[in-house]
Amino acid sequence: MSQIMLTHERKYDFVCTVMLKRSHVLKDVYLPKDDILNWLFLETKDRLFSFVYKIENPNEAKYNQPFRAKVAFTMYEEVKFIVKLNETYKILRGQENIGWLTINEFVY
């Protein structure tokens, strides 16, 4: 499996450091690149924002270890005024807390 869902020919808004835990719905042998669901939620103080991500080095990314990824938000025009560089945000898969991300760079 690979991350093709929602990521093909997409413009990404941010470069981030991401740390994911394996979701309870995934097999133990899966790596982050094997998860076909790459549509997650970022939690701010007041809201959840959906996003997709694309791992920069998919063969090197592991669960419980930070890796770099490009991120695109579905509500970018709103998110760009809320998220901050070098801030860390909780990541949810549905209602399951599966990790965090830190915004490293804005991509314009």
Protein backbone atom coordinates (compact mmCIF):
# COMPACT_ATOMS: atom_id res chain seq x y z
CA MET A 1 0.00 0.00 0.00
CA SER A 2 1.12 3.58 -0.49
CA GLN A 3 -0.10 7.05 0.26
CA ILE A 4 -1.98 7.80 -2.93
CA MET A 5 -5.34 8.69 -1.45
CA LEU A 6 -5.88 12.47 -1.45
CA THR A 7 -2.19 13.24 -2.05
CA HIS A 8 -1.74 12.89 -5.79
CA GLU A 9 -0.93 16.25 -7.45
CA ARG A 10 -1.81 18.22 -4.34
CA LYS A 11 -0.32 21.54 -3.26
CA TYR A 12 1.07 21.28 0.27
CA ASP A 13 0.92 24.18 2.72
CA PHE A 14 3.47 23.23 5.38
CA VAL A 15 6.53 21.12 6.07
CA CYS A 16 6.17 19.50 9.48
CA THR A 17 7.79 17.15 11.91
CA VAL A 18 5.29 14.39 12.63
CA MET A 19 5.27 11.69 15.29
CA LEU A 20 2.60 9.03 14.97
CA LYS A 21 1.64 6.11 17.16
CA ARG A 22 0.21 3.08 15.40
CA SER A 23 -3.56 3.25 15.51
CA HIS A 24 -5.33 0.40 17.28
CA VAL A 25 -7.03 -0.45 13.97
CA LEU A 26 -3.74 -1.17 12.15
CA LYS A 27 -1.80 -4.41 11.99
CA ASP A 28 1.41 -4.60 14.01
CA VAL A 29 3.52 -5.03 10.87
CA TYR A 30 2.35 -1.74 9.35
CA LEU A 31 4.65 1.25 9.00
CA PRO A 32 3.36 4.80 8.49
CA LYS A 33 3.77 4.44 4.69
CA ASP A 34 1.44 1.40 4.76
CA ASP A 35 -1.52 3.26 6.24
CA ILE A 36 -3.82 4.11 3.33
CA LEU A 37 -5.72 6.60 5.51
CA ASN A 38 -3.66 9.77 5.38
CA TRP A 39 -6.54 12.11 6.18
CA LEU A 40 -6.23 13.13 9.83
CA PHE A 41 -7.21 15.99 12.14
CA LEU A 42 -5.10 18.64 13.83
CA GLU A 43 -6.43 19.88 17.16
CA THR A 44 -6.05 23.52 18.18
CA LYS A 45 -7.45 25.01 21.39
CA ASP A 46 -10.83 25.63 19.82
CA ARG A 47 -11.16 23.53 16.68
CA LEU A 48 -10.26 20.49 14.62
CA PHE A 49 -8.88 20.93 11.11
CA SER A 50 -8.66 18.09 8.61
CA PHE A 51 -5.46 17.58 6.67
CA VAL A 52 -3.62 15.13 4.47
CA TYR A 53 0.07 14.42 4.69
CA LYS A 54 2.79 13.04 2.48
CA ILE A 55 5.87 11.55 4.15
CA GLU A 56 9.13 12.96 2.72
CA ASN A 57 11.09 9.69 3.12
CA PRO A 58 8.39 7.01 3.38
CA ASN A 59 10.77 4.05 3.63
CA GLU A 60 12.50 5.57 6.66
CA ALA A 61 9.42 6.69 8.63
CA LYS A 62 8.57 4.62 11.71
CA TYR A 63 5.90 4.79 14.38
CA ASN A 64 6.88 6.47 17.66
CA GLN A 65 9.76 8.30 15.92
CA PRO A 66 9.54 11.79 14.42
CA PHE A 67 9.67 12.10 10.63
CA ARG A 68 9.21 14.92 8.13
CA ALA A 69 6.06 15.27 6.06
CA LYS A 70 4.31 17.80 3.87
CA VAL A 71 0.83 18.77 5.05
CA ALA A 72 -2.19 20.22 3.23
CA PHE A 73 -5.26 21.47 5.08
CA THR A 74 -8.74 21.34 3.59
CA MET A 75 -9.49 24.79 5.10
CA TYR A 76 -6.10 26.39 4.39
CA GLU A 77 -7.43 29.95 4.15
CA GLU A 78 -8.59 29.71 7.76
CA VAL A 79 -5.81 27.52 9.15
CA LYS A 80 -2.99 29.77 7.93
CA PHE A 81 -4.07 32.44 10.44
CA ILE A 82 -4.37 30.00 13.35
CA VAL A 83 -1.37 27.63 13.26
CA LYS A 84 2.05 28.97 14.19
CA LEU A 85 5.59 28.03 13.23
CA ASN A 86 7.36 25.81 15.76
CA GLU A 87 4.09 25.07 17.59
CA THR A 88 3.17 21.47 18.34
CA TYR A 89 -0.39 20.23 17.80
CA LYS A 90 -2.19 17.00 18.64
CA ILE A 91 -3.12 14.69 15.74
CA LEU A 92 -6.32 12.67 15.77
CA ARG A 93 -7.46 9.76 13.60
CA GLY A 94 -11.19 10.10 14.07
CA GLN A 95 -11.39 10.49 17.85
CA GLU A 96 -8.20 8.52 18.55
CA ASN A 97 -5.16 10.58 19.63
CA ILE A 98 -2.35 9.16 17.50
CA GLY A 99 0.45 11.69 17.85
CA TRP A 100 1.56 15.24 17.21
CA LEU A 101 2.99 17.51 14.57
CA THR A 102 5.14 20.63 14.67
CA ILE A 103 4.91 23.19 11.88
CA ASN A 104 8.49 23.76 10.61
CA GLU A 105 7.97 25.78 7.43
CA PHE A 106 5.23 27.54 5.54
CA VAL A 107 5.16 26.67 1.84
CA TYR A 108 3.78 29.43 -0.37
